[in-house]
Amino acid sequence: MVVIGRNEGDRLVRCLESLRGEARRIVYVDSNSSDASVAKARVSGASVVELDPAIPFTAARARNAGFELLISEKPDLELVQFVDGDCEIRSGWLEYAAECLDERPELAVACGRRRERFPERSPYNRIADIEWDTPVGDAASCGGDALMRVRAFREAGGFDPGLIAGEEPELCLRLCRAGYKVARIPCEMTLHDAAMYRFSQFWRRAVRAGHAYAEAAYLHGREPERFGVRPLVSSAVWGAGPPLLALLLLPIFGSGALFALAAWSLLFARVYRDTRRRGHASRTSAIYAAACTVGKLAELQGALQFAWNRGVRRRATRLIEYKSADTRA
């Protein structure tokens, strides 16, 4: 078991408690926490890795470091569960997922249903919970919580430590190229605590997603899978399209050109319809559709941020965090 975290506070405690009796060995990797995370992890019995702060922090780097220590301690390990420190493993998940991997040798990754712990506390938490509601079956990628086959993980070279976001889909791309498969299975996997209570947190989270899309397209977009291209184009079209159209029409129609912004209603309607078809309530579907629509602007910002840093400043973007200190405690 590899757990990663940074200033997760009580969330980390709940995470580690959920692993008692579930995992034979736990490695916790800390990215320079300023709270008592390291001490709490040690008290729980986990082996602890403290990452060197001189090197930029990424979740990918942390997971790789945890994997290396885990394998050094248990060289015969066949499966490894990765989990974020703000999540709790549901009872029975590891056993069920391991059985699925045993039954299907071609599977490199098994992931299940991640749910928000407190979806009722904010619309932003509820939005995240809907995002986790993904179809069951063979998939193109997983999230941060997943059970992986050690042999396949090693063959693929692990996570790309330079990616500040989107490292899981990128790893899954390489695993699928190597002939493996990824599956989302019908089982409760983790409880996640997004702790999003402000619009600014939601915005930064969407900025990070846009950055991930742009970097994925930059790395693999010219390859046959066109990896990252579709979400990047979606961010660009819906984020920039309506405002640009309004500007172009402004000399002709004056203030009437602002009606071009109504194009966003098309995206809202489409997302609302699809969310309702998945069984969500009308109000919840409307909140999610509004978030997806507004989020395109933040995604565009993230994509432009990547382009600016990569193309002009010639340096990597630092970690984009959406949780502030008061939401981690």
C-alpha atoms as a PDB file:
ATOM      1  CA  MET A   1       0.000   0.000   0.000  1.00  0.00           C
ATOM      2  CA  VAL A   2       1.375   3.416  -0.983  1.00  0.00           C
ATOM      3  CA  VAL A   3      -0.233   6.503   0.558  1.00  0.00           C
ATOM      4  CA  ILE A   4       0.773  10.021  -0.459  1.00  0.00           C
ATOM      5  CA  GLY A   5      -0.079  13.290   1.235  1.00  0.00           C
ATOM      6  CA  ARG A   6       0.702  16.899   2.039  1.00  0.00           C
ATOM      7  CA  ASN A   7      -0.844  18.586   5.068  1.00  0.00           C
ATOM      8  CA  GLU A   8      -3.913  16.338   5.069  1.00  0.00           C
ATOM      9  CA  GLY A   9      -4.383  16.470   8.842  1.00  0.00           C
ATOM     10  CA  ASP A  10      -7.328  14.417  10.092  1.00  0.00           C
ATOM     11  CA  ARG A  11      -7.969  13.133   6.575  1.00  0.00           C
ATOM     12  CA  LEU A  12      -4.650  11.286   6.674  1.00  0.00           C
ATOM     13  CA  VAL A  13      -5.507   9.795  10.070  1.00  0.00           C
ATOM     14  CA  ARG A  14      -8.805   8.474   8.691  1.00  0.00           C
ATOM     15  CA  CYS A  15      -6.995   7.150   5.631  1.00  0.00           C
ATOM     16  CA  LEU A  16      -4.446   5.205   7.675  1.00  0.00           C
ATOM     17  CA  GLU A  17      -7.114   3.888  10.052  1.00  0.00           C
ATOM     18  CA  SER A  18      -9.080   2.540   7.076  1.00  0.00           C
ATOM     19  CA  LEU A  19      -6.045   0.441   6.097  1.00  0.00           C
ATOM     20  CA  ARG A  20      -5.830  -1.494   9.355  1.00  0.00           C
ATOM     21  CA  GLY A  21      -6.426  -5.134   8.614  1.00  0.00           C
ATOM     22  CA  GLU A  22      -6.588  -4.392   4.878  1.00  0.00           C
ATOM     23  CA  ALA A  23      -2.923  -3.966   3.919  1.00  0.00           C
ATOM     24  CA  ARG A  24       0.094  -6.019   4.960  1.00  0.00           C
ATOM     25  CA  ARG A  25       2.534  -3.156   4.517  1.00  0.00           C
ATOM     26  CA  ILE A  26       1.951   0.608   4.306  1.00  0.00           C
ATOM     27  CA  VAL A  27       4.338   3.239   2.984  1.00  0.00           C
ATOM     28  CA  TYR A  28       3.447   6.889   3.481  1.00  0.00           C
ATOM     29  CA  VAL A  29       5.164   9.497   1.312  1.00  0.00           C
ATOM     30  CA  ASP A  30       5.091  13.073   2.563  1.00  0.00           C
ATOM     31  CA  SER A  31       5.608  16.168   0.397  1.00  0.00           C
ATOM     32  CA  ASN A  32       6.975  18.598   2.971  1.00  0.00           C
ATOM     33  CA  SER A  33       3.932  18.814   5.237  1.00  0.00           C
ATOM     34  CA  SER A  34       3.941  21.560   7.845  1.00  0.00           C
ATOM     35  CA  ASP A  35       1.448  19.745  10.070  1.00  0.00           C
ATOM     36  CA  ALA A  36       1.925  16.547  12.084  1.00  0.00           C
ATOM     37  CA  SER A  37       1.360  14.204   9.118  1.00  0.00           C
ATOM     38  CA  VAL A  38       4.744  12.498   9.349  1.00  0.00           C
ATOM     39  CA  ALA A  39       4.451  11.874  13.085  1.00  0.00           C
ATOM     40  CA  LYS A  40       0.912  10.557  12.737  1.00  0.00           C
ATOM     41  CA  ALA A  41       1.954   8.197   9.948  1.00  0.00           C
ATOM     42  CA  ARG A  42       4.800   6.800  12.021  1.00  0.00           C
ATOM     43  CA  VAL A  43       2.507   6.279  15.021  1.00  0.00           C
ATOM     44  CA  SER A  44       0.186   4.291  12.757  1.00  0.00           C
ATOM     45  CA  GLY A  45       3.036   1.918  11.916  1.00  0.00           C
ATOM     46  CA  ALA A  46       3.610   3.052   8.333  1.00  0.00           C
ATOM     47  CA  SER A  47       7.059   3.335   6.813  1.00  0.00           C
ATOM     48  CA  VAL A  48       7.636   6.998   5.963  1.00  0.00           C
ATOM     49  CA  VAL A  49       9.390   8.662   3.047  1.00  0.00           C
ATOM     50  CA  GLU A  50       9.988  12.412   3.300  1.00  0.00           C
ATOM     51  CA  LEU A  51      10.628  13.879  -0.127  1.00  0.00           C
ATOM     52  CA  ASP A  52      13.523  16.277  -0.642  1.00  0.00           C
ATOM     53  CA  PRO A  53      11.980  19.784  -0.914  1.00  0.00           C
ATOM     54  CA  ALA A  54      14.780  20.877  -3.253  1.00  0.00           C
ATOM     55  CA  ILE A  55      13.069  18.893  -6.040  1.00  0.00           C
ATOM     56  CA  PRO A  56       9.584  20.025  -7.215  1.00  0.00           C
ATOM     57  CA  PHE A  57       6.790  18.047  -5.612  1.00  0.00           C
ATOM     58  CA  THR A  58       4.357  16.027  -7.705  1.00  0.00           C
ATOM     59  CA  ALA A  59       1.963  13.216  -6.837  1.00  0.00           C
ATOM     60  CA  ALA A  60       3.704  11.105  -9.480  1.00  0.00           C
ATOM     61  CA  ARG A  61       7.091  11.569  -7.838  1.00  0.00           C
ATOM     62  CA  ALA A  62       5.621  10.694  -4.443  1.00  0.00           C
ATOM     63  CA  ARG A  63       3.962   7.510  -5.700  1.00  0.00           C
ATOM     64  CA  ASN A  64       7.151   6.351  -7.398  1.00  0.00           C
ATOM     65  CA  ALA A  65       9.156   6.926  -4.210  1.00  0.00           C
ATOM     66  CA  GLY A  66       6.623   4.994  -2.151  1.00  0.00           C
ATOM     67  CA  PHE A  67       6.597   2.151  -4.651  1.00  0.00           C
ATOM     68  CA  GLU A  68      10.393   1.841  -4.570  1.00  0.00           C
ATOM     69  CA  LEU A  69      10.497   1.609  -0.771  1.00  0.00           C
ATOM     70  CA  LEU A  70       7.604  -0.849  -0.702  1.00  0.00           C
ATOM     71  CA  ILE A  71       9.294  -3.124  -3.226  1.00  0.00           C
ATOM     72  CA  SER A  72      12.599  -2.928  -1.372  1.00  0.00           C
ATOM     73  CA  GLU A  73      10.791  -4.157   1.739  1.00  0.00           C
ATOM     74  CA  LYS A  74       8.578  -6.703  -0.071  1.00  0.00           C
ATOM     75  CA  PRO A  75      10.412  -7.725  -3.275  1.00  0.00           C
ATOM     76  CA  ASP A  76       7.949 -10.562  -3.996  1.00  0.00           C
ATOM     77  CA  LEU A  77       4.935  -8.237  -4.004  1.00  0.00           C
ATOM     78  CA  GLU A  78       2.628  -8.776  -6.987  1.00  0.00           C
ATOM     79  CA  LEU A  79       0.032  -6.041  -6.446  1.00  0.00           C
ATOM     80  CA  VAL A  80       0.266  -2.501  -5.082  1.00  0.00           C
ATOM     81  CA  GLN A  81      -2.582  -0.219  -4.068  1.00  0.00           C
ATOM     82  CA  PHE A  82      -2.043   3.509  -4.506  1.00  0.00           C
ATOM     83  CA  VAL A  83      -4.262   5.815  -2.476  1.00  0.00           C
ATOM     84  CA  ASP A  84      -4.268   9.545  -1.772  1.00  0.00           C
ATOM     85  CA  GLY A  85      -4.038  10.695   1.826  1.00  0.00           C
ATOM     86  CA  ASP A  86      -7.435  12.388   1.664  1.00  0.00           C
ATOM     87  CA  CYS A  87      -9.158   9.071   0.905  1.00  0.00           C
ATOM     88  CA  GLU A  88     -10.314   6.069   2.903  1.00  0.00           C
ATOM     89  CA  ILE A  89     -10.236   2.531   1.526  1.00  0.00           C
ATOM     90  CA  ARG A  90     -13.617   0.823   1.692  1.00  0.00           C
ATOM     91  CA  SER A  91     -13.742  -2.572   3.378  1.00  0.00           C
ATOM     92  CA  GLY A  92     -13.612  -5.436   0.904  1.00  0.00           C
ATOM     93  CA  TRP A  93     -12.175  -3.390  -1.956  1.00  0.00           C
ATOM     94  CA  LEU A  94      -8.680  -4.878  -1.946  1.00  0.00           C
ATOM     95  CA  GLU A  95      -9.917  -8.458  -1.865  1.00  0.00           C
ATOM     96  CA  TYR A  96     -12.425  -7.913  -4.663  1.00  0.00           C
ATOM     97  CA  ALA A  97      -9.999  -5.989  -6.877  1.00  0.00           C
ATOM     98  CA  ALA A  98      -7.253  -8.583  -6.365  1.00  0.00           C
ATOM     99  CA  GLU A  99      -9.648 -11.320  -7.466  1.00  0.00           C
ATOM    100  CA  CYS A 100     -10.438  -9.361 -10.633  1.00  0.00           C
ATOM    101  CA  LEU A 101      -6.742  -9.040 -11.447  1.00  0.00           C
ATOM    102  CA  ASP A 102      -6.240 -12.767 -10.803  1.00  0.00           C
ATOM    103  CA  GLU A 103      -9.092 -13.642 -13.155  1.00  0.00           C
ATOM    104  CA  ARG A 104      -7.851 -11.379 -15.929  1.00  0.00           C
ATOM    105  CA  PRO A 105      -4.054 -11.604 -16.447  1.00  0.00           C
ATOM    106  CA  GLU A 106      -4.206  -8.848 -19.075  1.00  0.00           C
ATOM    107  CA  LEU A 107      -5.383  -6.327 -16.491  1.00  0.00           C
ATOM    108  CA  ALA A 108      -2.695  -3.989 -15.155  1.00  0.00           C
ATOM    109  CA  VAL A 109      -5.042  -1.707 -13.218  1.00  0.00           C
ATOM    110  CA  ALA A 110      -8.318  -2.106 -11.363  1.00  0.00           C
ATOM    111  CA  CYS A 111     -10.205   0.859  -9.978  1.00  0.00           C
ATOM    112  CA  GLY A 112     -13.681   1.155  -8.478  1.00  0.00           C
ATOM    113  CA  ARG A 113     -16.176   3.763  -7.344  1.00  0.00           C
ATOM    114  CA  ARG A 114     -14.687   6.710  -5.539  1.00  0.00           C
ATOM    115  CA  ARG A 115     -17.246   8.734  -3.580  1.00  0.00           C
ATOM    116  CA  GLU A 116     -17.120  12.060  -1.837  1.00  0.00           C
ATOM    117  CA  ARG A 117     -17.294  11.782   1.940  1.00  0.00           C
ATOM    118  CA  PHE A 118     -19.277  15.012   2.377  1.00  0.00           C
ATOM    119  CA  PRO A 119     -21.103  15.818  -0.890  1.00  0.00           C
ATOM    120  CA  GLU A 120     -23.821  17.671   1.003  1.00  0.00           C
ATOM    121  CA  ARG A 121     -21.433  20.220   2.527  1.00  0.00           C
ATOM    122  CA  SER A 122     -20.838  22.246  -0.633  1.00  0.00           C
ATOM    123  CA  PRO A 123     -21.838  22.279  -4.306  1.00  0.00           C
ATOM    124  CA  TYR A 124     -18.171  21.827  -5.183  1.00  0.00           C
ATOM    125  CA  ASN A 125     -17.943  18.575  -3.230  1.00  0.00           C
ATOM    126  CA  ARG A 126     -21.092  17.394  -4.984  1.00  0.00           C
ATOM    127  CA  ILE A 127     -19.544  18.235  -8.364  1.00  0.00           C
ATOM    128  CA  ALA A 128     -16.530  16.077  -7.516  1.00  0.00           C
ATOM    129  CA  ASP A 129     -18.792  13.194  -6.500  1.00  0.00           C
ATOM    130  CA  ILE A 130     -20.486  13.257  -9.898  1.00  0.00           C
ATOM    131  CA  GLU A 131     -17.080  13.276 -11.599  1.00  0.00           C
ATOM    132  CA  TRP A 132     -16.189  10.043  -9.797  1.00  0.00           C
ATOM    133  CA  ASP A 133     -19.358   8.354 -11.111  1.00  0.00           C
ATOM    134  CA  THR A 134     -17.739   6.745 -14.150  1.00  0.00           C
ATOM    135  CA  PRO A 135     -18.968   3.794 -16.268  1.00  0.00           C
ATOM    136  CA  VAL A 136     -18.003   0.248 -15.297  1.00  0.00           C
ATOM    137  CA  GLY A 137     -15.919  -1.779 -17.752  1.00  0.00           C
ATOM    138  CA  ASP A 138     -12.628  -1.540 -19.597  1.00  0.00           C
ATOM    139  CA  ALA A 139     -11.389   2.030 -19.536  1.00  0.00           C
ATOM    140  CA  ALA A 140      -8.644   4.244 -20.878  1.00  0.00           C
ATOM    141  CA  SER A 141      -7.439   5.438 -17.482  1.00  0.00           C
ATOM    142  CA  CYS A 142      -7.761   5.390 -13.711  1.00  0.00           C
ATOM    143  CA  GLY A 143      -7.477   8.012 -10.992  1.00  0.00           C
ATOM    144  CA  GLY A 144      -5.099   8.369  -8.073  1.00  0.00           C
ATOM    145  CA  ASP A 145      -6.653   5.438  -6.214  1.00  0.00           C
ATOM    146  CA  ALA A 146      -6.080   2.115  -7.982  1.00  0.00           C
ATOM    147  CA  LEU A 147      -4.776  -1.411  -7.515  1.00  0.00           C
ATOM    148  CA  MET A 148      -1.940  -2.099  -9.956  1.00  0.00           C
ATOM    149  CA  ARG A 149       0.038  -5.123 -11.046  1.00  0.00           C
ATOM    150  CA  VAL A 150       3.650  -4.642  -9.955  1.00  0.00           C
ATOM    151  CA  ARG A 151       5.119  -6.294 -13.041  1.00  0.00           C
ATOM    152  CA  ALA A 152       3.158  -4.051 -15.388  1.00  0.00           C
ATOM    153  CA  PHE A 153       3.933  -0.919 -13.375  1.00  0.00           C
ATOM    154  CA  ARG A 154       7.642  -1.687 -13.593  1.00  0.00           C
ATOM    155  CA  GLU A 155       7.517  -2.485 -17.289  1.00  0.00           C
ATOM    156  CA  ALA A 156       5.870   0.861 -17.987  1.00  0.00           C
ATOM    157  CA  GLY A 157       8.469   2.729 -15.945  1.00  0.00           C
ATOM    158  CA  GLY A 158       6.075   3.999 -13.290  1.00  0.00           C
ATOM    159  CA  PHE A 159       4.546   7.460 -13.193  1.00  0.00           C
ATOM    160  CA  ASP A 160       6.157  10.367 -15.014  1.00  0.00           C
ATOM    161  CA  PRO A 161       7.502  12.382 -12.040  1.00  0.00           C
ATOM    162  CA  GLY A 162       7.536  15.620 -14.021  1.00  0.00           C
ATOM    163  CA  LEU A 163       3.762  15.798 -14.467  1.00  0.00           C
ATOM    164  CA  ILE A 164       1.993  18.036 -11.943  1.00  0.00           C
ATOM    165  CA  ALA A 165      -1.392  16.545 -12.914  1.00  0.00           C
ATOM    166  CA  GLY A 166      -2.834  13.891 -15.203  1.00  0.00           C
ATOM    167  CA  GLU A 167      -0.091  11.407 -14.365  1.00  0.00           C
ATOM    168  CA  GLU A 168      -2.516   8.479 -14.016  1.00  0.00           C
ATOM    169  CA  PRO A 169      -4.019   8.676 -17.538  1.00  0.00           C
ATOM    170  CA  GLU A 170      -0.515   9.105 -18.969  1.00  0.00           C
ATOM    171  CA  LEU A 171       0.699   5.958 -17.205  1.00  0.00           C
ATOM    172  CA  CYS A 172      -2.400   4.068 -18.363  1.00  0.00           C
ATOM    173  CA  LEU A 173      -1.652   5.139 -21.940  1.00  0.00           C
ATOM    174  CA  ARG A 174       1.782   3.513 -21.707  1.00  0.00           C
ATOM    175  CA  LEU A 175       0.354   0.410 -20.051  1.00  0.00           C
ATOM    176  CA  CYS A 176      -2.228  -0.023 -22.817  1.00  0.00           C
ATOM    177  CA  ARG A 177       0.458   0.423 -25.446  1.00  0.00           C
ATOM    178  CA  ALA A 178       2.341  -2.423 -23.778  1.00  0.00           C
ATOM    179  CA  GLY A 179      -0.701  -4.692 -24.213  1.00  0.00           C
ATOM    180  CA  TYR A 180      -2.276  -4.345 -20.781  1.00  0.00           C
ATOM    181  CA  LYS A 181      -5.797  -3.199 -19.930  1.00  0.00           C
ATOM    182  CA  VAL A 182      -7.394  -0.960 -17.332  1.00  0.00           C
ATOM    183  CA  ALA A 183     -10.781  -1.783 -15.800  1.00  0.00           C
ATOM    184  CA  ARG A 184     -13.287   0.095 -13.684  1.00  0.00           C
ATOM    185  CA  ILE A 185     -15.025  -2.572 -11.645  1.00  0.00           C
ATOM    186  CA  PRO A 186     -18.410  -2.522  -9.836  1.00  0.00           C
ATOM    187  CA  CYS A 187     -17.160  -2.103  -6.286  1.00  0.00           C
ATOM    188  CA  GLU A 188     -16.945   0.704  -3.739  1.00  0.00           C
ATOM    189  CA  MET A 189     -13.269   1.675  -3.594  1.00  0.00           C
ATOM    190  CA  THR A 190     -12.628   4.849  -1.595  1.00  0.00           C
ATOM    191  CA  LEU A 191     -14.208   7.766   0.214  1.00  0.00           C
ATOM    192  CA  HIS A 192     -12.593  11.041  -0.843  1.00  0.00           C
ATOM    193  CA  ASP A 193     -12.675  14.325   1.051  1.00  0.00           C
ATOM    194  CA  ALA A 194     -12.267  17.097  -1.528  1.00  0.00           C
ATOM    195  CA  ALA A 195     -12.836  19.762   1.149  1.00  0.00           C
ATOM    196  CA  MET A 196     -13.865  22.314  -1.502  1.00  0.00           C
ATOM    197  CA  TYR A 197     -15.885  25.104   0.061  1.00  0.00           C
ATOM    198  CA  ARG A 198     -14.933  28.131  -2.032  1.00  0.00           C
ATOM    199  CA  PHE A 199     -15.260  29.002  -5.705  1.00  0.00           C
ATOM    200  CA  SER A 200     -11.535  29.794  -5.801  1.00  0.00           C
ATOM    201  CA  GLN A 201     -10.756  26.168  -4.933  1.00  0.00           C
ATOM    202  CA  PHE A 202     -13.028  24.896  -7.683  1.00  0.00           C
ATOM    203  CA  TRP A 203     -11.389  27.301 -10.145  1.00  0.00           C
ATOM    204  CA  ARG A 204      -7.822  26.235  -9.311  1.00  0.00           C
ATOM    205  CA  ARG A 205      -8.799  22.581  -9.588  1.00  0.00           C
ATOM    206  CA  ALA A 206     -10.159  23.240 -13.089  1.00  0.00           C
ATOM    207  CA  VAL A 207      -7.024  25.221 -13.976  1.00  0.00           C
ATOM    208  CA  ARG A 208      -4.975  22.182 -13.004  1.00  0.00           C
ATOM    209  CA  ALA A 209      -7.128  19.995 -15.262  1.00  0.00           C
ATOM    210  CA  GLY A 210      -6.594  22.335 -18.203  1.00  0.00           C
ATOM    211  CA  HIS A 211      -2.863  22.294 -17.587  1.00  0.00           C
ATOM    212  CA  ALA A 212      -2.950  18.484 -17.588  1.00  0.00           C
ATOM    213  CA  TYR A 213      -4.827  18.384 -20.912  1.00  0.00           C
ATOM    214  CA  ALA A 214      -2.319  20.723 -22.540  1.00  0.00           C
ATOM    215  CA  GLU A 215       0.701  18.824 -21.260  1.00  0.00           C
ATOM    216  CA  ALA A 216      -0.800  15.477 -22.308  1.00  0.00           C
ATOM    217  CA  ALA A 217      -1.377  16.804 -25.829  1.00  0.00           C
ATOM    218  CA  TYR A 218       2.132  18.256 -25.894  1.00  0.00           C
ATOM    219  CA  LEU A 219       3.674  14.900 -24.931  1.00  0.00           C
ATOM    220  CA  HIS A 220       1.486  12.486 -26.913  1.00  0.00           C
ATOM    221  CA  GLY A 221      -0.954  14.482 -29.032  1.00  0.00           C
ATOM    222  CA  ARG A 222       0.801  13.739 -32.320  1.00  0.00           C
ATOM    223  CA  GLU A 223       0.759   9.995 -31.702  1.00  0.00           C
ATOM    224  CA  PRO A 224      -2.010   7.660 -32.995  1.00  0.00           C
ATOM    225  CA  GLU A 225      -4.071   7.880 -29.795  1.00  0.00           C
ATOM    226  CA  ARG A 226      -4.154  11.700 -30.009  1.00  0.00           C
ATOM    227  CA  PHE A 227      -3.830  11.613 -26.247  1.00  0.00           C
ATOM    228  CA  GLY A 228      -5.097  14.755 -24.531  1.00  0.00           C
ATOM    229  CA  VAL A 229      -6.147  16.453 -27.764  1.00  0.00           C
ATOM    230  CA  ARG A 230      -9.914  16.057 -27.407  1.00  0.00           C
ATOM    231  CA  PRO A 231     -10.249  17.588 -23.898  1.00  0.00           C
ATOM    232  CA  LEU A 232      -7.789  20.329 -24.852  1.00  0.00           C
ATOM    233  CA  VAL A 233      -9.813  21.231 -27.936  1.00  0.00           C
ATOM    234  CA  SER A 234     -12.997  21.194 -25.851  1.00  0.00           C
ATOM    235  CA  SER A 235     -11.429  23.612 -23.346  1.00  0.00           C
ATOM    236  CA  ALA A 236     -10.277  25.901 -26.143  1.00  0.00           C
ATOM    237  CA  VAL A 237     -13.548  25.851 -28.103  1.00  0.00           C
ATOM    238  CA  TRP A 238     -15.876  26.373 -25.152  1.00  0.00           C
ATOM    239  CA  GLY A 239     -13.515  28.556 -23.158  1.00  0.00           C
ATOM    240  CA  ALA A 240     -12.476  30.957 -25.907  1.00  0.00           C
ATOM    241  CA  GLY A 241     -15.075  30.426 -28.654  1.00  0.00           C
ATOM    242  CA  PRO A 242     -18.103  32.395 -27.378  1.00  0.00           C
ATOM    243  CA  PRO A 243     -16.083  35.446 -26.179  1.00  0.00           C
ATOM    244  CA  LEU A 244     -14.102  35.592 -29.425  1.00  0.00           C
ATOM    245  CA  LEU A 245     -17.272  35.302 -31.475  1.00  0.00           C
ATOM    246  CA  ALA A 246     -18.815  38.153 -29.489  1.00  0.00           C
ATOM    247  CA  LEU A 247     -15.753  40.334 -30.141  1.00  0.00           C
ATOM    248  CA  LEU A 248     -15.848  39.593 -33.865  1.00  0.00           C
ATOM    249  CA  LEU A 249     -19.527  40.507 -34.070  1.00  0.00           C
ATOM    250  CA  LEU A 250     -19.214  43.596 -31.885  1.00  0.00           C
ATOM    251  CA  PRO A 251     -18.434  46.061 -34.763  1.00  0.00           C
ATOM    252  CA  ILE A 252     -21.493  44.798 -36.643  1.00  0.00           C
ATOM    253  CA  PHE A 253     -24.139  44.312 -33.968  1.00  0.00           C
ATOM    254  CA  GLY A 254     -22.805  46.456 -31.144  1.00  0.00           C
ATOM    255  CA  SER A 255     -23.949  45.264 -27.715  1.00  0.00           C
ATOM    256  CA  GLY A 256     -26.180  42.736 -29.463  1.00  0.00           C
ATOM    257  CA  ALA A 257     -23.032  40.739 -30.179  1.00  0.00           C
ATOM    258  CA  LEU A 258     -23.088  39.669 -26.530  1.00  0.00           C
ATOM    259  CA  PHE A 259     -25.810  37.213 -27.478  1.00  0.00           C
ATOM    260  CA  ALA A 260     -22.953  35.094 -28.845  1.00  0.00           C
ATOM    261  CA  LEU A 261     -22.204  34.243 -25.235  1.00  0.00           C
ATOM    262  CA  ALA A 262     -25.489  32.328 -25.238  1.00  0.00           C
ATOM    263  CA  ALA A 263     -23.526  29.577 -26.997  1.00  0.00           C
ATOM    264  CA  TRP A 264     -22.508  28.481 -23.499  1.00  0.00           C
ATOM    265  CA  SER A 265     -26.133  27.478 -22.935  1.00  0.00           C
ATOM    266  CA  LEU A 266     -25.645  24.716 -25.522  1.00  0.00           C
ATOM    267  CA  LEU A 267     -22.885  23.157 -23.449  1.00  0.00           C
ATOM    268  CA  PHE A 268     -24.942  23.570 -20.285  1.00  0.00           C
ATOM    269  CA  ALA A 269     -27.938  21.850 -21.891  1.00  0.00           C
ATOM    270  CA  ARG A 270     -25.867  18.940 -23.172  1.00  0.00           C
ATOM    271  CA  VAL A 271     -24.150  18.271 -19.842  1.00  0.00           C
ATOM    272  CA  TYR A 272     -27.444  18.670 -17.956  1.00  0.00           C
ATOM    273  CA  ARG A 273     -29.161  16.134 -20.232  1.00  0.00           C
ATOM    274  CA  ASP A 274     -26.348  13.589 -19.923  1.00  0.00           C
ATOM    275  CA  THR A 275     -26.168  13.959 -16.135  1.00  0.00           C
ATOM    276  CA  ARG A 276     -29.917  13.486 -15.779  1.00  0.00           C
ATOM    277  CA  ARG A 277     -29.700  10.335 -17.910  1.00  0.00           C
ATOM    278  CA  ARG A 278     -27.174   8.965 -15.429  1.00  0.00           C
ATOM    279  CA  GLY A 279     -29.841   9.172 -12.731  1.00  0.00           C
ATOM    280  CA  HIS A 280     -28.927  12.394 -10.922  1.00  0.00           C
ATOM    281  CA  ALA A 281     -31.547  14.804  -9.636  1.00  0.00           C
ATOM    282  CA  SER A 282     -32.499  17.879 -11.619  1.00  0.00           C
ATOM    283  CA  ARG A 283     -30.900  20.381  -9.218  1.00  0.00           C
ATOM    284  CA  THR A 284     -27.709  18.350  -8.930  1.00  0.00           C
ATOM    285  CA  SER A 285     -27.528  18.021 -12.715  1.00  0.00           C
ATOM    286  CA  ALA A 286     -27.944  21.765 -13.125  1.00  0.00           C
ATOM    287  CA  ILE A 287     -25.153  22.489 -10.646  1.00  0.00           C
ATOM    288  CA  TYR A 288     -22.858  20.065 -12.414  1.00  0.00           C
ATOM    289  CA  ALA A 289     -23.710  21.464 -15.858  1.00  0.00           C
ATOM    290  CA  ALA A 290     -23.035  25.004 -14.675  1.00  0.00           C
ATOM    291  CA  ALA A 291     -19.703  23.918 -13.198  1.00  0.00           C
ATOM    292  CA  CYS A 292     -18.644  22.195 -16.413  1.00  0.00           C
ATOM    293  CA  THR A 293     -19.557  25.302 -18.411  1.00  0.00           C
ATOM    294  CA  VAL A 294     -17.748  27.786 -16.169  1.00  0.00           C
ATOM    295  CA  GLY A 295     -14.903  25.334 -15.733  1.00  0.00           C
ATOM    296  CA  LYS A 296     -14.009  25.581 -19.428  1.00  0.00           C
ATOM    297  CA  LEU A 297     -12.707  29.106 -18.791  1.00  0.00           C
ATOM    298  CA  ALA A 298     -10.503  27.850 -15.964  1.00  0.00           C
ATOM    299  CA  GLU A 299      -9.310  24.925 -18.089  1.00  0.00           C
ATOM    300  CA  LEU A 300      -8.369  27.354 -20.844  1.00  0.00           C
ATOM    301  CA  GLN A 301      -6.387  29.377 -18.302  1.00  0.00           C
ATOM    302  CA  GLY A 302      -4.516  26.221 -17.271  1.00  0.00           C
ATOM    303  CA  ALA A 303      -3.739  25.314 -20.888  1.00  0.00           C
ATOM    304  CA  LEU A 304      -2.458  28.830 -21.591  1.00  0.00           C
ATOM    305  CA  GLN A 305      -0.409  28.712 -18.402  1.00  0.00           C
ATOM    306  CA  PHE A 306       1.254  25.522 -19.603  1.00  0.00           C
ATOM    307  CA  ALA A 307       1.927  27.042 -23.043  1.00  0.00           C
ATOM    308  CA  TRP A 308       3.413  30.190 -21.497  1.00  0.00           C
ATOM    309  CA  ASN A 309       5.680  28.325 -19.098  1.00  0.00           C
ATOM    310  CA  ARG A 310       6.775  25.711 -21.616  1.00  0.00           C
ATOM    311  CA  GLY A 311       7.057  27.873 -24.726  1.00  0.00           C
ATOM    312  CA  VAL A 312       8.113  31.267 -23.388  1.00  0.00           C
ATOM    313  CA  ARG A 313       9.598  30.889 -19.930  1.00  0.00           C
ATOM    314  CA  ARG A 314      11.076  27.468 -20.720  1.00  0.00           C
ATOM    315  CA  ARG A 315      10.350  26.064 -17.296  1.00  0.00           C
ATOM    316  CA  ALA A 316       7.919  23.623 -15.737  1.00  0.00           C
ATOM    317  CA  THR A 317       4.843  24.802 -13.855  1.00  0.00           C
ATOM    318  CA  ARG A 318       4.939  24.352 -10.122  1.00  0.00           C
ATOM    319  CA  LEU A 319       2.361  22.260  -8.293  1.00  0.00           C
ATOM    320  CA  ILE A 320      -1.174  23.673  -8.578  1.00  0.00           C
ATOM    321  CA  GLU A 321      -2.978  23.052  -5.273  1.00  0.00           C
ATOM    322  CA  TYR A 322      -6.639  23.756  -4.638  1.00  0.00           C
ATOM    323  CA  LYS A 323      -6.696  22.978  -0.919  1.00  0.00           C
ATOM    324  CA  SER A 324      -5.556  25.773   1.365  1.00  0.00           C
ATOM    325  CA  ALA A 325      -4.137  25.194   4.833  1.00  0.00           C
ATOM    326  CA  ASP A 326      -7.476  25.681   6.585  1.00  0.00           C
ATOM    327  CA  THR A 327      -9.158  22.979   4.503  1.00  0.00           C
ATOM    328  CA  ARG A 328      -6.427  20.418   5.125  1.00  0.00           C
ATOM    329  CA  ALA A 329      -6.558  20.397   8.901  1.00  0.00           C
END
